[in-house]
Structures are given as C-alpha cells and as structure tokens.
Amino acid sequence: MPPTDASAGPGLDPALGPGPALGPDPASPEDSEDSEDTLALRLPDGFGALGDAAAPAGPGSAPAGELVGDVAAWGPAATPVGLFRLLPVCVERDLSLIHRWMSDPVVAAFWELAGPPVATANHLRSQLDGDGRSVPCLGLLDGTPMSYWELYRADLDPLARHYPSRLQDTGIHLLIGAEGRGRGLGSVLIRAVSDLVLNRRPACSRVVAEPDLRNTPSVAAFLNAGFRFAAEVDLPDKRAALMLRDRSLRDVL
C-alpha cells in the first residue's frame, strides 16, 4: 500500500503512507456532530459538482465536478528551503523517475511497488483514469523533482469507514526521493502542501495523514507541520498515528 513519508531528517523512513483502512476510531464530541461516513461508494450523479459548488471560488479552486481540484493551477509555494510546487504526474514523462524511487528498498518496504515498472505505471494510471478523487503529483523544489505526493478525497476513500470523516476531508500520501532525503525537508514540505490544500480547497476543513506510529521522526514532522495527533489506529500491517491539520488551527499550530 502507498505510504506517507515525512522525511524530517537522516534515518527517517522515506515512505510512510496511507496503508490499509484504519481501525475503528470513536468520534469525539466535536467531530461527531457533522461527521460523514461516505465510504468508498459510487458517487451519485452531480455529487462532485454539489460538493465543490458550495465553496467560494478562488484561484485554483476546484471547477464543478472535480473532486480534488485543478492541482496544476495551484501555483508555487514559497518555503524556507526554496520554491515548491506540485506537478500532476504524466506517466510517459515521469514513470522512470517514480519507479526508481519506488524501487528504493526503504521506500519499497512501505509502498510495495518495487519490481517491474508496470506495477508503478498501473498504480499511477488507476488514479489518472479514475474519477478524480486521487491526484498523483511530483513535488518540485526550485524546479527539481524530489518527492512524490498523492492528494485524495479522504471522505470518499475506504479510510472514511474508520474515522469520523467530514465532507471534503483531503488526505496526503508522500515519499521523498533520495535527492531530497537527509535534509530535514519533511515538515517544511508537509506544511507547504497542506497549506496549498487549505488555500485552494476552501470547502476542505482539514487535511488527513496516517504515518506509522513507530516512525517517531515522521510523527514529529507532521506535528511540526501543524498537524495534531488524533488517535492510534490498528492497520493490517502497522499501527498508525492518525494526524489531522485543522483549518481553524492552522495559524496556531
């Protein structure tokens, strides 16, 4: 399963990602009132349009019917380590690079996409040929590809069965390639990407991630990026930390 790498520094697992569906997590009082367990069901006709139409339009915001939005139009983010931007994947252009990252033993242990390039290609195309609920992207720092990201509608993912999801919750999966590893970039880039999500998706009230609980540097990177620890959850292959970054707390944490 793909994971979420929050490479905060040397020795951190560079690929910690979504993993399988989370185990049951009792809703807190503040979450339960407006939670939506949307599961991984077929979307009713017009659902995407209704969901995004409710949000005020803004630069790079999602056109009606798009579930994550036009990520290519989101533009760059200035960070303390350089100019960062997300570039939606083109399989023909990017497969060789992404496959090389996926074949790194440290990454492969979490993403499970080592092997022939077709495995990586199928993983990418399953998103690109889907309904838009997951968008695979390269992360470019000062124009150089150095990370891989997946932005997805967590409320439309199987993950939503196992935590008190809200409409428009947006999840992130990531890995940092060897080019960017060991530089303490994890928390900076996680904050940059979650800020882009919150800025460009006004209907999204929080960003979701679930790093492996054993990877304390990764959990620390999410905390340093403004996420809060919500719960410990059992997955088939790991115990994970459910991390949330709330729009209402983004200027506090």
C-alpha atoms as a PDB file:
ATOM      1  CA  MET A   1       0.000   0.000   0.000  1.00  0.00           C
ATOM      2  CA  PRO A   2       1.226   3.529  -0.645  1.00  0.00           C
ATOM      3  CA  PRO A   3       2.503   5.473   2.397  1.00  0.00           C
ATOM      4  CA  THR A   4       3.284   8.945   3.744  1.00  0.00           C
ATOM      5  CA  ASP A   5       6.927   9.916   4.040  1.00  0.00           C
ATOM      6  CA  ALA A   6       7.531  12.811   6.323  1.00  0.00           C
ATOM      7  CA  SER A   7      11.289  12.798   5.967  1.00  0.00           C
ATOM      8  CA  ALA A   8      12.337  15.119   8.731  1.00  0.00           C
ATOM      9  CA  GLY A   9      15.993  14.210   8.638  1.00  0.00           C
ATOM     10  CA  PRO A  10      18.582  11.456   8.215  1.00  0.00           C
ATOM     11  CA  GLY A  11      17.489   7.945   9.119  1.00  0.00           C
ATOM     12  CA  LEU A  12      13.773   8.572   8.743  1.00  0.00           C
ATOM     13  CA  ASP A  13      11.771   6.094   6.699  1.00  0.00           C
ATOM     14  CA  PRO A  14      11.193   7.956   3.434  1.00  0.00           C
ATOM     15  CA  ALA A  15       7.880   6.388   2.656  1.00  0.00           C
ATOM     16  CA  LEU A  16       5.285   6.093   5.311  1.00  0.00           C
ATOM     17  CA  GLY A  17       1.895   6.245   3.604  1.00  0.00           C
ATOM     18  CA  PRO A  18      -1.704   5.636   3.615  1.00  0.00           C
ATOM     19  CA  GLY A  19      -1.620   1.966   4.430  1.00  0.00           C
ATOM     20  CA  PRO A  20      -4.803  -0.066   4.551  1.00  0.00           C
ATOM     21  CA  ALA A  21      -8.053   1.129   6.040  1.00  0.00           C
ATOM     22  CA  LEU A  22      -7.848   2.383   9.595  1.00  0.00           C
ATOM     23  CA  GLY A  23      -9.322   0.549  12.545  1.00  0.00           C
ATOM     24  CA  PRO A  24     -12.390   1.940  14.307  1.00  0.00           C
ATOM     25  CA  ASP A  25     -11.891   5.304  15.998  1.00  0.00           C
ATOM     26  CA  PRO A  26     -14.649   6.590  18.278  1.00  0.00           C
ATOM     27  CA  ALA A  27     -15.775  10.048  17.274  1.00  0.00           C
ATOM     28  CA  SER A  28     -15.006  12.883  19.620  1.00  0.00           C
ATOM     29  CA  PRO A  29     -17.909  15.175  20.556  1.00  0.00           C
ATOM     30  CA  GLU A  30     -16.661  17.988  18.338  1.00  0.00           C
ATOM     31  CA  ASP A  31     -16.200  15.661  15.381  1.00  0.00           C
ATOM     32  CA  SER A  32     -19.340  13.583  15.602  1.00  0.00           C
ATOM     33  CA  GLU A  33     -21.862  16.349  15.065  1.00  0.00           C
ATOM     34  CA  ASP A  34     -21.054  16.940  11.419  1.00  0.00           C
ATOM     35  CA  SER A  35     -19.192  13.744  10.512  1.00  0.00           C
ATOM     36  CA  GLU A  36     -19.894  11.951   7.254  1.00  0.00           C
ATOM     37  CA  ASP A  37     -19.071   8.273   6.741  1.00  0.00           C
ATOM     38  CA  THR A  38     -19.142   8.317   2.947  1.00  0.00           C
ATOM     39  CA  LEU A  39     -17.268   5.017   2.458  1.00  0.00           C
ATOM     40  CA  ALA A  40     -15.944   4.010  -0.957  1.00  0.00           C
ATOM     41  CA  LEU A  41     -19.285   4.010  -2.724  1.00  0.00           C
ATOM     42  CA  ARG A  42     -20.154   5.062  -6.247  1.00  0.00           C
ATOM     43  CA  LEU A  43     -20.751   8.798  -6.296  1.00  0.00           C
ATOM     44  CA  PRO A  44     -24.283   9.925  -7.088  1.00  0.00           C
ATOM     45  CA  ASP A  45     -24.553  11.906 -10.305  1.00  0.00           C
ATOM     46  CA  GLY A  46     -23.614  15.511  -9.671  1.00  0.00           C
ATOM     47  CA  PHE A  47     -22.151  14.832  -6.214  1.00  0.00           C
ATOM     48  CA  GLY A  48     -18.781  16.389  -7.030  1.00  0.00           C
ATOM     49  CA  ALA A  49     -20.375  19.447  -8.531  1.00  0.00           C
ATOM     50  CA  LEU A  50     -22.575  19.972  -5.489  1.00  0.00           C
ATOM     51  CA  GLY A  51     -19.729  19.482  -3.045  1.00  0.00           C
ATOM     52  CA  ASP A  52     -17.389  21.958  -4.686  1.00  0.00           C
ATOM     53  CA  ALA A  53     -20.036  24.439  -5.747  1.00  0.00           C
ATOM     54  CA  ALA A  54     -20.769  25.086  -2.077  1.00  0.00           C
ATOM     55  CA  ALA A  55     -17.325  26.623  -1.606  1.00  0.00           C
ATOM     56  CA  PRO A  56     -16.472  30.166  -2.681  1.00  0.00           C
ATOM     57  CA  ALA A  57     -14.489  30.277  -5.891  1.00  0.00           C
ATOM     58  CA  GLY A  58     -10.853  31.258  -5.690  1.00  0.00           C
ATOM     59  CA  PRO A  59      -7.621  30.949  -7.676  1.00  0.00           C
ATOM     60  CA  GLY A  60      -7.015  27.275  -8.360  1.00  0.00           C
ATOM     61  CA  SER A  61     -10.190  26.169  -6.621  1.00  0.00           C
ATOM     62  CA  ALA A  62     -11.912  23.083  -7.957  1.00  0.00           C
ATOM     63  CA  PRO A  63     -14.141  23.511 -11.007  1.00  0.00           C
ATOM     64  CA  ALA A  64     -17.553  21.904 -10.606  1.00  0.00           C
ATOM     65  CA  GLY A  65     -17.323  18.131 -10.833  1.00  0.00           C
ATOM     66  CA  GLU A  66     -13.646  17.821  -9.896  1.00  0.00           C
ATOM     67  CA  LEU A  67     -13.142  16.049  -6.615  1.00  0.00           C
ATOM     68  CA  VAL A  68      -9.718  17.394  -5.631  1.00  0.00           C
ATOM     69  CA  GLY A  69      -9.330  20.328  -7.995  1.00  0.00           C
ATOM     70  CA  ASP A  70      -7.003  21.546 -10.722  1.00  0.00           C
ATOM     71  CA  VAL A  71      -3.758  20.996  -8.837  1.00  0.00           C
ATOM     72  CA  ALA A  72      -1.721  22.202 -11.812  1.00  0.00           C
ATOM     73  CA  ALA A  73      -3.269  25.656 -11.354  1.00  0.00           C
ATOM     74  CA  TRP A  74      -2.495  25.918  -7.652  1.00  0.00           C
ATOM     75  CA  GLY A  75       0.837  27.598  -8.291  1.00  0.00           C
ATOM     76  CA  PRO A  76       4.057  27.514  -6.262  1.00  0.00           C
ATOM     77  CA  ALA A  77       4.544  27.927  -2.531  1.00  0.00           C
ATOM     78  CA  ALA A  78       7.450  29.892  -1.098  1.00  0.00           C
ATOM     79  CA  THR A  79       9.141  27.929   1.688  1.00  0.00           C
ATOM     80  CA  PRO A  80      12.259  28.490   3.817  1.00  0.00           C
ATOM     81  CA  VAL A  81      14.050  25.881   1.677  1.00  0.00           C
ATOM     82  CA  GLY A  82      13.034  27.171  -1.757  1.00  0.00           C
ATOM     83  CA  LEU A  83      10.107  27.435  -4.152  1.00  0.00           C
ATOM     84  CA  PHE A  84       7.949  24.330  -4.052  1.00  0.00           C
ATOM     85  CA  ARG A  85       5.170  23.277  -6.387  1.00  0.00           C
ATOM     86  CA  LEU A  86       3.090  20.244  -7.231  1.00  0.00           C
ATOM     87  CA  LEU A  87       3.087  18.971 -10.803  1.00  0.00           C
ATOM     88  CA  PRO A  88       0.433  16.377 -11.698  1.00  0.00           C
ATOM     89  CA  VAL A  89       2.034  13.191 -12.942  1.00  0.00           C
ATOM     90  CA  CYS A  90       2.294  12.313 -16.629  1.00  0.00           C
ATOM     91  CA  VAL A  91       3.046   8.591 -16.834  1.00  0.00           C
ATOM     92  CA  GLU A  92       5.001   8.826 -20.079  1.00  0.00           C
ATOM     93  CA  ARG A  93       7.205  11.605 -18.700  1.00  0.00           C
ATOM     94  CA  ASP A  94       7.554  10.612 -15.041  1.00  0.00           C
ATOM     95  CA  LEU A  95       7.367   6.814 -14.815  1.00  0.00           C
ATOM     96  CA  SER A  96      11.115   6.207 -14.905  1.00  0.00           C
ATOM     97  CA  LEU A  97      11.787   8.594 -12.011  1.00  0.00           C
ATOM     98  CA  ILE A  98       8.885   7.436  -9.844  1.00  0.00           C
ATOM     99  CA  HIS A  99       9.707   3.775 -10.490  1.00  0.00           C
ATOM    100  CA  ARG A 100      13.293   4.432  -9.395  1.00  0.00           C
ATOM    101  CA  TRP A 101      12.025   5.930  -6.144  1.00  0.00           C
ATOM    102  CA  MET A 102       9.599   3.058  -5.621  1.00  0.00           C
ATOM    103  CA  SER A 103      12.430   0.565  -6.160  1.00  0.00           C
ATOM    104  CA  ASP A 104      14.478   2.048  -3.321  1.00  0.00           C
ATOM    105  CA  PRO A 105      14.346  -0.693  -0.637  1.00  0.00           C
ATOM    106  CA  VAL A 106      13.499   1.820   2.094  1.00  0.00           C
ATOM    107  CA  VAL A 107      10.553   3.137   0.077  1.00  0.00           C
ATOM    108  CA  ALA A 108       9.505  -0.281  -1.209  1.00  0.00           C
ATOM    109  CA  ALA A 109       9.071  -1.551   2.332  1.00  0.00           C
ATOM    110  CA  PHE A 110       6.098   0.791   2.706  1.00  0.00           C
ATOM    111  CA  TRP A 111       4.738   1.402  -0.799  1.00  0.00           C
ATOM    112  CA  GLU A 112       5.129  -2.195  -2.024  1.00  0.00           C
ATOM    113  CA  LEU A 113       5.590  -1.066  -5.632  1.00  0.00           C
ATOM    114  CA  ALA A 114       9.096  -2.388  -6.270  1.00  0.00           C
ATOM    115  CA  GLY A 115       9.516  -4.722  -9.221  1.00  0.00           C
ATOM    116  CA  PRO A 116       8.749  -4.153 -12.890  1.00  0.00           C
ATOM    117  CA  PRO A 117       7.799  -0.605 -13.970  1.00  0.00           C
ATOM    118  CA  VAL A 118       4.324  -1.824 -14.924  1.00  0.00           C
ATOM    119  CA  ALA A 119       3.390  -2.076 -11.228  1.00  0.00           C
ATOM    120  CA  THR A 120       4.159   1.605 -10.707  1.00  0.00           C
ATOM    121  CA  ALA A 121       2.506   2.517 -14.017  1.00  0.00           C
ATOM    122  CA  ASN A 122      -0.687   0.684 -13.039  1.00  0.00           C
ATOM    123  CA  HIS A 123      -0.721   2.417  -9.654  1.00  0.00           C
ATOM    124  CA  LEU A 124      -0.462   5.822 -11.328  1.00  0.00           C
ATOM    125  CA  ARG A 125      -2.967   5.093 -14.105  1.00  0.00           C
ATOM    126  CA  SER A 126      -5.549   3.759 -11.669  1.00  0.00           C
ATOM    127  CA  GLN A 127      -5.666   7.283 -10.243  1.00  0.00           C
ATOM    128  CA  LEU A 128      -5.318   9.185 -13.527  1.00  0.00           C
ATOM    129  CA  ASP A 129      -8.070   7.118 -15.171  1.00  0.00           C
ATOM    130  CA  GLY A 130     -10.373   7.371 -12.156  1.00  0.00           C
ATOM    131  CA  ASP A 131     -12.995   9.940 -11.235  1.00  0.00           C
ATOM    132  CA  GLY A 132     -10.535  12.481  -9.862  1.00  0.00           C
ATOM    133  CA  ARG A 133     -10.734  11.558  -6.193  1.00  0.00           C
ATOM    134  CA  SER A 134      -6.938  10.960  -6.088  1.00  0.00           C
ATOM    135  CA  VAL A 135      -4.308  13.035  -7.907  1.00  0.00           C
ATOM    136  CA  PRO A 136      -0.684  11.807  -8.122  1.00  0.00           C
ATOM    137  CA  CYS A 137       1.911  14.584  -8.304  1.00  0.00           C
ATOM    138  CA  LEU A 138       5.628  15.216  -8.401  1.00  0.00           C
ATOM    139  CA  GLY A 139       6.944  17.652  -5.826  1.00  0.00           C
ATOM    140  CA  LEU A 140       9.428  20.100  -7.352  1.00  0.00           C
ATOM    141  CA  LEU A 141      11.792  22.135  -5.198  1.00  0.00           C
ATOM    142  CA  ASP A 142      13.321  25.033  -7.117  1.00  0.00           C
ATOM    143  CA  GLY A 143      12.347  23.191 -10.302  1.00  0.00           C
ATOM    144  CA  THR A 144      13.932  19.841  -9.357  1.00  0.00           C
ATOM    145  CA  PRO A 145      11.670  16.788  -8.842  1.00  0.00           C
ATOM    146  CA  MET A 146      12.467  15.373  -5.402  1.00  0.00           C
ATOM    147  CA  SER A 147       9.245  13.940  -3.969  1.00  0.00           C
ATOM    148  CA  TYR A 148       6.019  12.155  -4.885  1.00  0.00           C
ATOM    149  CA  TRP A 149       2.597  13.100  -3.486  1.00  0.00           C
ATOM    150  CA  GLU A 150      -0.952  11.833  -3.704  1.00  0.00           C
ATOM    151  CA  LEU A 151      -3.780  14.180  -2.793  1.00  0.00           C
ATOM    152  CA  TYR A 152      -7.050  12.360  -2.307  1.00  0.00           C
ATOM    153  CA  ARG A 153     -10.563  12.826  -1.007  1.00  0.00           C
ATOM    154  CA  ALA A 154     -10.309  11.048   2.328  1.00  0.00           C
ATOM    155  CA  ASP A 155     -14.069  11.254   2.805  1.00  0.00           C
ATOM    156  CA  LEU A 156     -14.554   9.193  -0.380  1.00  0.00           C
ATOM    157  CA  ASP A 157     -11.817   6.691   0.473  1.00  0.00           C
ATOM    158  CA  PRO A 158     -12.181   3.397   2.402  1.00  0.00           C
ATOM    159  CA  LEU A 159     -10.361   5.261   5.163  1.00  0.00           C
ATOM    160  CA  ALA A 160     -13.626   7.102   5.865  1.00  0.00           C
ATOM    161  CA  ARG A 161     -15.123   3.908   7.295  1.00  0.00           C
ATOM    162  CA  HIS A 162     -12.710   4.042  10.170  1.00  0.00           C
ATOM    163  CA  TYR A 163     -12.607   7.597  11.453  1.00  0.00           C
ATOM    164  CA  PRO A 164     -15.247  10.331  11.851  1.00  0.00           C
ATOM    165  CA  SER A 165     -14.731  11.842   8.417  1.00  0.00           C
ATOM    166  CA  ARG A 166     -16.098  15.159   7.251  1.00  0.00           C
ATOM    167  CA  LEU A 167     -17.202  16.157   3.777  1.00  0.00           C
ATOM    168  CA  GLN A 168     -14.211  17.340   1.711  1.00  0.00           C
ATOM    169  CA  ASP A 169     -11.543  15.913   4.062  1.00  0.00           C
ATOM    170  CA  THR A 170      -8.374  15.747   1.974  1.00  0.00           C
ATOM    171  CA  GLY A 171      -5.648  13.173   2.546  1.00  0.00           C
ATOM    172  CA  ILE A 172      -1.978  13.240   1.631  1.00  0.00           C
ATOM    173  CA  HIS A 173       0.428  10.399   0.877  1.00  0.00           C
ATOM    174  CA  LEU A 174       4.053  11.161   0.109  1.00  0.00           C
ATOM    175  CA  LEU A 175       7.554   9.928  -0.294  1.00  0.00           C
ATOM    176  CA  ILE A 176      10.738  11.926  -0.518  1.00  0.00           C
ATOM    177  CA  GLY A 177      13.220  10.640  -3.083  1.00  0.00           C
ATOM    178  CA  ALA A 178      16.900  10.135  -2.475  1.00  0.00           C
ATOM    179  CA  GLU A 179      17.503  13.595  -3.976  1.00  0.00           C
ATOM    180  CA  GLY A 180      15.763  15.261  -1.049  1.00  0.00           C
ATOM    181  CA  ARG A 181      16.489  12.870   1.785  1.00  0.00           C
ATOM    182  CA  GLY A 182      18.507  13.737   4.879  1.00  0.00           C
ATOM    183  CA  ARG A 183      17.954  17.484   4.550  1.00  0.00           C
ATOM    184  CA  GLY A 184      15.232  17.962   7.153  1.00  0.00           C
ATOM    185  CA  LEU A 185      12.664  18.872   4.495  1.00  0.00           C
ATOM    186  CA  GLY A 186       9.736  16.755   5.686  1.00  0.00           C
ATOM    187  CA  SER A 187       7.865  19.138   7.974  1.00  0.00           C
ATOM    188  CA  VAL A 188       8.524  22.137   5.709  1.00  0.00           C
ATOM    189  CA  LEU A 189       7.062  20.417   2.657  1.00  0.00           C
ATOM    190  CA  ILE A 190       4.160  18.844   4.543  1.00  0.00           C
ATOM    191  CA  ARG A 191       3.181  22.281   5.819  1.00  0.00           C
ATOM    192  CA  ALA A 192       3.536  23.748   2.328  1.00  0.00           C
ATOM    193  CA  VAL A 193       1.323  21.089   0.737  1.00  0.00           C
ATOM    194  CA  SER A 194      -1.317  21.179   3.457  1.00  0.00           C
ATOM    195  CA  ASP A 195      -1.368  24.985   3.148  1.00  0.00           C
ATOM    196  CA  LEU A 196      -1.896  24.654  -0.605  1.00  0.00           C
ATOM    197  CA  VAL A 197      -4.808  22.278   0.028  1.00  0.00           C
ATOM    198  CA  LEU A 198      -6.441  24.605   2.547  1.00  0.00           C
ATOM    199  CA  ASN A 199      -5.838  27.692   0.395  1.00  0.00           C
ATOM    200  CA  ARG A 200      -7.095  26.191  -2.861  1.00  0.00           C
ATOM    201  CA  ARG A 201      -9.870  23.987  -1.485  1.00  0.00           C
ATOM    202  CA  PRO A 202     -11.954  26.337   0.660  1.00  0.00           C
ATOM    203  CA  ALA A 203     -14.571  23.647   1.358  1.00  0.00           C
ATOM    204  CA  CYS A 204     -11.926  21.430   2.989  1.00  0.00           C
ATOM    205  CA  SER A 205     -11.755  21.976   6.751  1.00  0.00           C
ATOM    206  CA  ARG A 206      -8.845  19.636   7.463  1.00  0.00           C
ATOM    207  CA  VAL A 207      -6.021  17.570   5.960  1.00  0.00           C
ATOM    208  CA  VAL A 208      -5.533  13.931   6.997  1.00  0.00           C
ATOM    209  CA  ALA A 209      -2.468  11.654   7.244  1.00  0.00           C
ATOM    210  CA  GLU A 210      -1.560   8.390   8.990  1.00  0.00           C
ATOM    211  CA  PRO A 211       2.186   7.760   9.437  1.00  0.00           C
ATOM    212  CA  ASP A 212       3.476   4.603  11.090  1.00  0.00           C
ATOM    213  CA  LEU A 213       3.417   5.119  14.839  1.00  0.00           C
ATOM    214  CA  ARG A 214       6.858   3.504  15.175  1.00  0.00           C
ATOM    215  CA  ASN A 215       8.416   6.193  12.996  1.00  0.00           C
ATOM    216  CA  THR A 216       8.677   8.863  15.663  1.00  0.00           C
ATOM    217  CA  PRO A 217      10.653  11.293  13.434  1.00  0.00           C
ATOM    218  CA  SER A 218       7.832  11.116  10.889  1.00  0.00           C
ATOM    219  CA  VAL A 219       5.143  11.720  13.502  1.00  0.00           C
ATOM    220  CA  ALA A 220       7.245  14.625  14.790  1.00  0.00           C
ATOM    221  CA  ALA A 221       7.469  16.054  11.274  1.00  0.00           C
ATOM    222  CA  PHE A 222       3.679  16.083  10.982  1.00  0.00           C
ATOM    223  CA  LEU A 223       3.379  17.703  14.397  1.00  0.00           C
ATOM    224  CA  ASN A 224       5.940  20.337  13.381  1.00  0.00           C
ATOM    225  CA  ALA A 225       3.928  20.932  10.205  1.00  0.00           C
ATOM    226  CA  GLY A 226       0.829  21.918  12.185  1.00  0.00           C
ATOM    227  CA  PHE A 227      -0.911  18.549  12.422  1.00  0.00           C
ATOM    228  CA  ARG A 228      -2.345  17.272  15.681  1.00  0.00           C
ATOM    229  CA  PHE A 229      -2.303  13.691  16.888  1.00  0.00           C
ATOM    230  CA  ALA A 230      -5.894  12.423  16.879  1.00  0.00           C
ATOM    231  CA  ALA A 231      -5.665   8.697  17.661  1.00  0.00           C
ATOM    232  CA  GLU A 232      -3.702   5.467  17.459  1.00  0.00           C
ATOM    233  CA  VAL A 233      -5.251   3.104  14.929  1.00  0.00           C
ATOM    234  CA  ASP A 234      -4.505  -0.509  14.043  1.00  0.00           C
ATOM    235  CA  LEU A 235      -3.926  -1.323  10.372  1.00  0.00           C
ATOM    236  CA  PRO A 236      -3.304  -4.803   8.968  1.00  0.00           C
ATOM    237  CA  ASP A 237       0.425  -4.097   8.577  1.00  0.00           C
ATOM    238  CA  LYS A 238       1.126  -1.350  11.114  1.00  0.00           C
ATOM    239  CA  ARG A 239      -0.143   0.700  13.999  1.00  0.00           C
ATOM    240  CA  ALA A 240      -0.628   4.230  12.738  1.00  0.00           C
ATOM    241  CA  ALA A 241      -0.913   7.720  14.116  1.00  0.00           C
ATOM    242  CA  LEU A 242      -3.988   9.453  12.740  1.00  0.00           C
ATOM    243  CA  MET A 243      -2.893  13.044  12.151  1.00  0.00           C
ATOM    244  CA  LEU A 244      -5.182  15.963  11.343  1.00  0.00           C
ATOM    245  CA  ARG A 245      -4.416  19.523  10.328  1.00  0.00           C
ATOM    246  CA  ASP A 246      -7.429  21.708  11.024  1.00  0.00           C
ATOM    247  CA  ARG A 247      -8.143  24.883   9.093  1.00  0.00           C
ATOM    248  CA  SER A 248      -9.280  26.517  12.329  1.00  0.00           C
ATOM    249  CA  LEU A 249      -5.920  25.781  13.991  1.00  0.00           C
ATOM    250  CA  ARG A 250      -3.575  26.414  11.070  1.00  0.00           C
ATOM    251  CA  ASP A 251      -2.360  29.749  12.471  1.00  0.00           C
ATOM    252  CA  VAL A 252      -1.970  28.344  15.979  1.00  0.00           C
ATOM    253  CA  LEU A 253      -0.055  25.080  15.413  1.00  0.00           C
END
